[in-house]
C-alpha cells in the first residue's frame, strides 16, 4: 500500500508581505459587540465588528485613526440585538 503525501499550499509572496506588515489585536467585547482591530503599515485601519446576538458583521477600512475611533464609539452605543443597515 502506497502512502499518500499531502502537501500544504505555499503562501504567495504577496500574502507574506501583507502578513509581515500588518498587526492585529485580540478581539474586544463591548455591549454585545465583538470588535477586532487590525492595522497595515501603521496607517491603514481595518475594523471587524460582529453582533453577539444577531451575527451581523460590519467591516470597515479607515485611513484616519480618529475616524475609526468615532465609528467604534457609534457602534458600541447601538443595541447589538437589532439589525442595522450601514
Protein backbone atom coordinates (compact mmCIF):
# COMPACT_ATOMS: atom_id res chain seq x y z
CA UNK A 1 0.00 0.00 0.00
CA UNK A 2 1.43 3.33 -1.05
CA UNK A 3 1.38 6.20 1.46
CA UNK A 4 -0.20 9.44 0.21
CA UNK A 5 1.81 12.58 0.55
CA UNK A 6 -0.20 15.64 1.43
CA UNK A 7 1.45 18.91 0.54
CA UNK A 8 0.44 22.18 2.08
CA UNK A 9 -0.05 25.16 -0.24
CA UNK A 10 2.87 27.56 -0.17
CA UNK A 11 1.85 31.13 0.76
CA UNK A 12 2.35 33.62 -2.04
CA UNK A 13 4.92 36.40 -1.84
CA UNK A 14 2.10 38.97 -1.72
CA UNK A 15 0.43 37.22 1.23
CA UNK A 16 3.73 37.01 3.15
CA UNK A 17 4.41 40.71 2.54
CA UNK A 18 0.92 41.64 3.76
CA UNK A 19 1.23 39.42 6.83
CA UNK A 20 4.61 40.87 7.78
CA UNK A 21 3.36 44.46 7.59
CA UNK A 22 0.08 44.00 9.44
CA UNK A 23 -0.65 43.91 13.16
CA UNK A 24 -3.73 42.55 14.89
CA UNK A 25 -5.00 42.65 18.42
CA UNK A 26 -7.25 40.32 20.37
CA UNK A 27 -10.98 40.99 19.88
CA UNK A 28 -12.73 43.11 22.49
CA UNK A 29 -16.33 42.62 23.60
CA UNK A 30 -18.41 45.71 24.46
CA UNK A 31 -22.20 45.97 24.87
CA UNK A 32 -22.85 42.81 22.87
CA UNK A 33 -20.46 43.72 20.05
CA UNK A 34 -17.16 41.97 19.31
CA UNK A 35 -14.61 44.34 17.81
CA UNK A 36 -11.44 43.18 16.04
CA UNK A 37 -8.88 45.85 15.22
CA UNK A 38 -6.02 45.46 12.71
CA UNK A 39 -3.56 47.86 11.14
CA UNK A 40 -1.47 47.69 7.98
CA UNK A 41 1.74 49.69 7.52
CA UNK A 42 0.81 51.74 10.60
CA UNK A 43 -1.51 53.98 8.57
CA UNK A 44 -4.44 51.80 7.46
CA UNK A 45 -7.01 50.51 9.95
CA UNK A 46 -9.37 47.60 9.42
CA UNK A 47 -12.28 47.01 11.80
CA UNK A 48 -14.39 43.86 12.07
CA UNK A 49 -17.46 44.32 14.26
CA UNK A 50 -19.79 41.39 14.99
CA UNK A 51 -23.02 41.37 17.00
CA UNK A 52 -23.04 38.58 19.57
CA UNK A 53 -26.85 38.37 19.30
CA UNK A 54 -27.62 38.62 15.59
CA UNK A 55 -24.31 37.70 13.94
CA UNK A 56 -24.41 40.90 11.89
CA UNK A 57 -20.88 41.61 10.67
CA UNK A 58 -19.62 45.07 9.79
CA UNK A 59 -16.25 45.50 8.09
CA UNK A 60 -14.82 48.98 7.66
CA UNK A 61 -11.49 50.35 6.43
CA UNK A 62 -10.14 53.69 7.65
CA UNK A 63 -7.11 55.82 6.81
CA UNK A 64 -7.61 58.01 9.89
CA UNK A 65 -7.40 56.62 13.43
CA UNK A 66 -9.77 59.29 14.77
CA UNK A 67 -12.46 58.26 12.28
CA UNK A 68 -12.05 54.62 13.30
CA UNK A 69 -12.46 55.55 16.98
CA UNK A 70 -15.59 57.59 16.20
CA UNK A 71 -17.05 54.61 14.34
CA UNK A 72 -16.28 52.25 17.25
CA UNK A 73 -17.96 54.64 19.69
CA UNK A 74 -21.00 54.88 17.42
CA UNK A 75 -21.30 51.10 17.17
CA UNK A 76 -20.99 50.31 20.88
CA UNK A 77 -23.78 52.79 21.66
CA UNK A 78 -26.20 50.81 19.45
CA UNK A 79 -28.21 47.83 20.67
CA UNK A 80 -26.43 44.70 19.50
CA UNK A 81 -29.63 42.64 19.33
CA UNK A 82 -31.06 44.76 16.49
CA UNK A 83 -30.06 44.78 12.82
CA UNK A 84 -28.60 47.99 11.37
CA UNK A 85 -28.04 48.98 7.75
CA UNK A 86 -24.71 50.78 7.40
